[in-house]
Amino acid sequence: MSGRLYLCATPIGNLEDITLRVLRTLQEVDLIAAEDTRNSIKLLNHFEIKTPMTSYHEYNKIEKAYTLIEKMQNGMNIALITDAGTPGISDPGEELAAMCYDAGIEVTSLPGPAACITALTLSGLPTRRFEAFLPMEKKERREILNELVNETRTIIIYEAPHKLVRTLKDLYETLGNRRMTLCRELTKKHETAFRTTIADLIAHYENEKPLGECVLVIEGKSRQELKEEAVASWEEISIEEHMEIYEKQGISRKDAMKQVAKDRGVSKREIYQYLLK
């Protein structure tokens, strides 16, 4: 039977912020993978934790990930910690978690200190959009969804089970079929992370009633896709019309050709040769 990967949040400063669950897990797992064992040993010594450690960081993340996965496939439970905060947020932990999912290894995240949430709640600035609760009012909901169409960052939306299918259908209609992970019942007994797509999730819930509070984690649009869409939009007008747009702004013909070539993703020479015809 395979082991499990535990993503354990550690204090971002004050050691008293560590949770009882994380302490118990660090004591019970077979191995702790740490970003910097020299820093982490201070934490473990403070709480008298004797579990063996191994390094896992940006410079060995690929090779070491395969080693850790093999250990988990052989039944070892491994806790992953960073120097501070929650693993998997802009660090090698996100790649290890993804590789574990692909290998069929269960992953769970033990929440705790997170600099981004701490700073947000201290800021006094609006937090509703960060939490991404979609409004119920139809017009406002549509406006917000349309704002997300070209978002390149990962999108996080909270949703109640009885509203889930409606939200998924709205997302599919607006964003198309994106990759996503549905997280439900986080930190509870029946916690699940369902890595799928929006369309497949809609199909899944045609025959099954959604249960549990949900967090939808949806991939943003790739920059390459945005670039291709921008190029395609210029192809709807002729090169002459395209040139005219810039020349009417007082831009020289030479610079206009350069800008048209950039917009269309071609060389300036191609534009020049076309206009000579």
Protein backbone atom coordinates (compact mmCIF):
# COMPACT_ATOMS: atom_id res chain seq x y z
CA MET A 1 0.00 0.00 0.00
CA SER A 2 1.32 3.43 -0.98
CA GLY A 3 2.20 6.03 1.57
CA ARG A 4 0.99 9.61 1.56
CA LEU A 5 2.48 13.08 1.04
CA TYR A 6 1.67 15.66 3.74
CA LEU A 7 2.15 19.33 2.84
CA CYS A 8 2.77 20.85 6.27
CA ALA A 9 2.54 24.56 6.97
CA THR A 10 5.26 25.83 9.31
CA PRO A 11 5.50 29.18 11.14
CA ILE A 12 6.43 32.26 9.12
CA GLY A 13 8.00 33.78 12.22
CA ASN A 14 6.39 32.99 15.54
CA LEU A 15 6.91 29.32 16.41
CA GLU A 16 3.68 29.28 18.44
CA ASP A 17 1.70 29.50 15.19
CA ILE A 18 2.34 25.86 14.29
CA THR A 19 -0.75 23.66 14.58
CA LEU A 20 -1.17 20.60 16.77
CA ARG A 21 -2.00 18.58 13.66
CA VAL A 22 1.27 19.52 11.96
CA LEU A 23 3.26 18.68 15.09
CA ARG A 24 1.63 15.26 15.35
CA THR A 25 2.18 14.58 11.65
CA LEU A 26 5.86 15.57 11.77
CA GLN A 27 6.30 13.15 14.65
CA GLU A 28 4.45 10.28 12.99
CA VAL A 29 5.69 10.32 9.38
CA ASP A 30 8.65 8.22 8.26
CA LEU A 31 10.56 11.09 6.66
CA ILE A 32 10.51 14.88 6.50
CA ALA A 33 11.54 16.52 3.22
CA ALA A 34 12.76 20.03 4.02
CA GLU A 35 13.67 23.03 1.86
CA ASP A 36 16.72 23.68 4.04
CA THR A 37 17.53 21.09 6.70
CA ARG A 38 19.74 23.61 8.53
CA ASN A 39 16.75 25.88 9.12
CA SER A 40 14.23 23.12 9.72
CA ILE A 41 16.33 21.39 12.36
CA LYS A 42 15.80 24.45 14.59
CA LEU A 43 12.04 23.96 14.36
CA LEU A 44 12.23 20.21 14.98
CA ASN A 45 14.59 20.65 17.93
CA HIS A 46 12.32 23.27 19.48
CA PHE A 47 9.41 20.80 19.49
CA GLU A 48 11.63 17.77 20.23
CA ILE A 49 10.79 16.01 16.96
CA LYS A 50 13.27 13.26 16.05
CA THR A 51 11.95 12.25 12.61
CA PRO A 52 14.70 11.84 9.95
CA MET A 53 15.06 14.64 7.39
CA THR A 54 16.17 14.89 3.79
CA SER A 55 16.65 17.97 1.60
CA TYR A 56 14.18 18.84 -1.15
CA HIS A 57 14.65 22.22 -2.81
CA GLU A 58 14.66 24.10 -6.11
CA TYR A 59 18.00 22.68 -7.24
CA ASN A 60 17.29 18.99 -6.72
CA LYS A 61 13.50 18.98 -7.09
CA ILE A 62 13.24 16.76 -10.17
CA GLU A 63 15.75 14.05 -9.32
CA LYS A 64 14.76 14.05 -5.64
CA ALA A 65 11.05 13.97 -6.45
CA TYR A 66 11.43 10.59 -8.15
CA THR A 67 13.29 9.28 -5.11
CA LEU A 68 10.58 10.50 -2.74
CA ILE A 69 7.80 9.11 -4.90
CA GLU A 70 9.48 5.72 -4.98
CA LYS A 71 9.67 5.76 -1.19
CA MET A 72 5.97 6.60 -0.93
CA GLN A 73 5.08 3.90 -3.45
CA ASN A 74 6.85 1.49 -1.10
CA GLY A 75 4.66 2.62 1.79
CA MET A 76 6.53 5.51 3.40
CA ASN A 77 4.63 8.57 4.62
CA ILE A 78 6.49 11.80 3.92
CA ALA A 79 5.93 15.33 5.24
CA LEU A 80 7.08 18.25 3.10
CA ILE A 81 8.02 21.53 4.78
CA THR A 82 9.55 24.79 3.63
CA ASP A 83 11.56 27.31 5.62
CA ALA A 84 8.32 29.15 6.40
CA GLY A 85 4.69 28.99 5.40
CA THR A 86 2.75 26.49 3.33
CA PRO A 87 4.50 24.18 0.80
CA GLY A 88 3.17 24.30 -2.71
CA ILE A 89 2.86 28.09 -2.98
CA SER A 90 5.43 29.17 -5.57
CA ASP A 91 7.95 26.55 -4.49
CA PRO A 92 9.00 23.02 -5.56
CA GLY A 93 6.20 21.57 -3.45
CA GLU A 94 3.64 22.25 -6.15
CA GLU A 95 5.60 20.11 -8.61
CA LEU A 96 6.04 17.26 -6.13
CA ALA A 97 2.31 17.29 -5.37
CA ALA A 98 1.47 17.17 -9.08
CA MET A 99 3.87 14.28 -9.65
CA CYS A 100 2.34 12.42 -6.70
CA TYR A 101 -1.14 12.80 -8.19
CA ASP A 102 0.13 11.45 -11.50
CA ALA A 103 1.68 8.48 -9.66
CA GLY A 104 -1.54 7.74 -7.80
CA ILE A 105 -0.16 8.83 -4.41
CA GLU A 106 -2.53 10.54 -2.02
CA VAL A 107 -1.68 14.13 -1.10
CA THR A 108 -3.11 16.17 1.75
CA SER A 109 -2.37 19.72 2.87
CA LEU A 110 -2.24 20.66 6.54
CA PRO A 111 -3.17 24.34 6.75
CA GLY A 112 -1.47 26.88 8.93
CA PRO A 113 0.56 30.08 8.58
CA ALA A 114 0.51 31.72 5.15
CA ALA A 115 2.09 35.11 4.50
CA CYS A 116 -0.37 36.05 1.75
CA ILE A 117 -3.47 35.50 3.91
CA THR A 118 -1.89 37.14 6.95
CA ALA A 119 -0.95 40.22 4.92
CA LEU A 120 -4.34 40.38 3.22
CA THR A 121 -6.31 40.33 6.45
CA LEU A 122 -4.01 42.97 7.94
CA SER A 123 -4.25 45.24 4.91
CA GLY A 124 -7.72 46.61 5.53
CA LEU A 125 -8.38 46.25 1.79
CA PRO A 126 -11.37 44.40 0.26
CA THR A 127 -11.06 40.61 0.42
CA ARG A 128 -14.22 39.43 -1.34
CA ARG A 129 -12.68 39.11 -4.79
CA PHE A 130 -9.59 37.40 -3.36
CA GLU A 131 -11.91 34.76 -1.92
CA ALA A 132 -13.72 34.81 -5.24
CA PHE A 133 -17.25 34.20 -4.07
CA LEU A 134 -19.22 34.76 -7.27
CA PRO A 135 -22.20 37.12 -6.80
CA MET A 136 -25.70 35.73 -7.24
CA GLU A 137 -27.04 38.73 -9.16
CA LYS A 138 -26.99 37.68 -12.82
CA LYS A 139 -25.56 40.85 -14.40
CA GLU A 140 -22.77 41.31 -11.85
CA ARG A 141 -21.94 37.61 -12.01
CA ARG A 142 -21.59 37.79 -15.80
CA GLU A 143 -19.38 40.88 -15.59
CA ILE A 144 -17.00 39.21 -13.13
CA LEU A 145 -16.83 36.00 -15.16
CA ASN A 146 -16.04 38.01 -18.29
CA GLU A 147 -13.18 39.68 -16.40
CA LEU A 148 -11.72 36.23 -15.75
CA VAL A 149 -11.66 35.15 -19.41
CA ASN A 150 -8.14 36.47 -20.07
CA GLU A 151 -6.81 35.97 -16.54
CA THR A 152 -3.44 34.21 -16.76
CA ARG A 153 -3.17 33.56 -13.03
CA THR A 154 -4.72 30.58 -11.30
CA ILE A 155 -8.34 31.31 -10.37
CA ILE A 156 -9.79 30.28 -6.99
CA ILE A 157 -13.53 30.21 -6.38
CA TYR A 158 -15.38 29.12 -3.24
CA GLU A 159 -18.74 27.46 -3.76
CA ALA A 160 -21.49 25.74 -1.81
CA PRO A 161 -22.52 22.25 -3.01
CA HIS A 162 -26.06 23.26 -3.99
CA LYS A 163 -24.68 26.01 -6.28
CA LEU A 164 -21.77 24.00 -7.71
CA VAL A 165 -23.29 22.73 -10.96
CA ARG A 166 -24.66 26.16 -11.90
CA THR A 167 -21.25 27.71 -11.29
CA LEU A 168 -19.46 25.03 -13.31
CA LYS A 169 -21.82 25.59 -16.25
CA ASP A 170 -21.27 29.36 -16.06
CA LEU A 171 -17.52 28.82 -15.98
CA TYR A 172 -17.64 26.47 -18.96
CA GLU A 173 -19.76 28.91 -20.95
CA THR A 174 -17.41 31.80 -20.20
CA LEU A 175 -13.92 30.28 -19.89
CA GLY A 176 -14.26 27.16 -22.01
CA ASN A 177 -13.00 23.77 -20.91
CA ARG A 178 -10.10 24.54 -18.57
CA ARG A 179 -8.09 22.15 -16.40
CA MET A 180 -9.09 22.43 -12.77
CA THR A 181 -9.04 20.76 -9.38
CA LEU A 182 -12.12 20.50 -7.21
CA CYS A 183 -11.20 20.47 -3.52
CA ARG A 184 -13.95 19.56 -1.09
CA GLU A 185 -14.28 18.98 2.64
CA LEU A 186 -10.79 20.41 3.18
CA THR A 187 -9.10 19.23 6.42
CA LYS A 188 -12.10 16.98 7.18
CA LYS A 189 -12.49 13.20 7.14
CA HIS A 190 -13.72 13.01 3.54
CA GLU A 191 -11.29 15.54 2.05
CA THR A 192 -10.85 15.05 -1.71
CA ALA A 193 -8.92 16.78 -4.49
CA PHE A 194 -10.40 15.90 -7.88
CA ARG A 195 -7.99 16.82 -10.72
CA THR A 196 -10.12 17.09 -13.84
CA THR A 197 -11.59 19.58 -16.34
CA ILE A 198 -14.67 21.77 -16.12
CA ALA A 199 -16.55 19.69 -18.72
CA ASP A 200 -15.72 16.37 -17.08
CA LEU A 201 -16.81 17.69 -13.70
CA ILE A 202 -20.15 18.84 -15.09
CA ALA A 203 -20.66 15.37 -16.58
CA HIS A 204 -19.68 13.75 -13.28
CA TYR A 205 -22.35 15.63 -11.37
CA GLU A 206 -25.11 14.76 -13.81
CA ASN A 207 -25.51 11.49 -11.91
CA GLU A 208 -24.13 12.42 -8.50
CA LYS A 209 -25.26 15.00 -5.96
CA PRO A 210 -22.50 17.44 -4.93
CA LEU A 211 -21.64 17.23 -1.25
CA GLY A 212 -19.42 19.35 0.98
CA GLU A 213 -18.10 22.90 0.75
CA CYS A 214 -16.01 23.28 -2.40
CA VAL A 215 -12.99 25.24 -3.57
CA LEU A 216 -12.51 25.37 -7.34
CA VAL A 217 -8.93 25.89 -8.49
CA ILE A 218 -8.94 26.70 -12.20
CA GLU A 219 -5.97 27.21 -14.52
CA GLY A 220 -5.54 30.64 -16.07
CA LYS A 221 -5.31 31.24 -19.79
CA SER A 222 -1.82 30.63 -21.14
CA ARG A 223 0.13 33.61 -22.43
CA GLN A 224 0.69 31.74 -25.68
CA GLU A 225 -3.05 31.42 -26.17
CA LEU A 226 -3.51 35.14 -25.51
CA LYS A 227 -0.81 35.91 -28.07
CA GLU A 228 -2.43 33.67 -30.68
CA GLU A 229 -5.83 35.27 -30.09
CA ALA A 230 -4.33 38.75 -30.46
CA VAL A 231 -2.68 37.77 -33.76
CA ALA A 232 -5.92 36.21 -35.02
CA SER A 233 -7.89 39.37 -34.23
CA TRP A 234 -5.63 41.44 -36.53
CA GLU A 235 -6.15 38.97 -39.35
CA GLU A 236 -9.77 40.09 -39.56
CA ILE A 237 -8.63 43.27 -41.32
CA SER A 238 -6.33 43.74 -44.31
CA ILE A 239 -2.70 44.75 -43.93
CA GLU A 240 -3.52 48.05 -45.65
CA GLU A 241 -6.23 48.78 -43.06
CA HIS A 242 -3.87 47.73 -40.31
CA MET A 243 -1.20 50.13 -41.60
CA GLU A 244 -3.75 52.93 -41.81
CA ILE A 245 -4.57 52.61 -38.10
CA TYR A 246 -1.00 53.49 -37.15
CA GLU A 247 -0.35 56.03 -39.86
CA LYS A 248 -3.44 58.00 -38.76
CA GLN A 249 -1.76 58.26 -35.34
CA GLY A 250 1.13 60.11 -36.99
CA ILE A 251 3.48 57.12 -36.92
CA SER A 252 5.94 56.93 -39.81
CA ARG A 253 5.36 54.31 -42.49
CA LYS A 254 8.53 52.49 -41.47
CA ASP A 255 7.51 52.30 -37.80
CA ALA A 256 3.95 51.40 -38.77
CA MET A 257 5.26 48.40 -40.76
CA LYS A 258 7.30 47.35 -37.75
CA GLN A 259 4.26 47.53 -35.46
CA VAL A 260 2.00 45.72 -37.92
CA ALA A 261 4.56 42.93 -38.22
CA LYS A 262 4.70 42.65 -34.41
CA ASP A 263 0.90 42.56 -34.11
CA ARG A 264 0.64 39.81 -36.70
CA GLY A 265 3.55 37.75 -35.46
CA VAL A 266 5.51 38.00 -38.73
CA SER A 267 8.72 39.67 -39.86
CA LYS A 268 8.85 43.29 -41.00
CA ARG A 269 10.22 42.03 -44.31
CA GLU A 270 7.02 40.07 -44.97
CA ILE A 271 4.91 43.22 -44.46
CA TYR A 272 7.25 45.24 -46.68
CA GLN A 273 7.11 42.66 -49.49
CA TYR A 274 3.31 42.45 -49.26
CA LEU A 275 2.91 46.22 -49.59
CA LEU A 276 5.18 46.27 -52.67
CA LYS A 277 2.68 44.13 -54.62
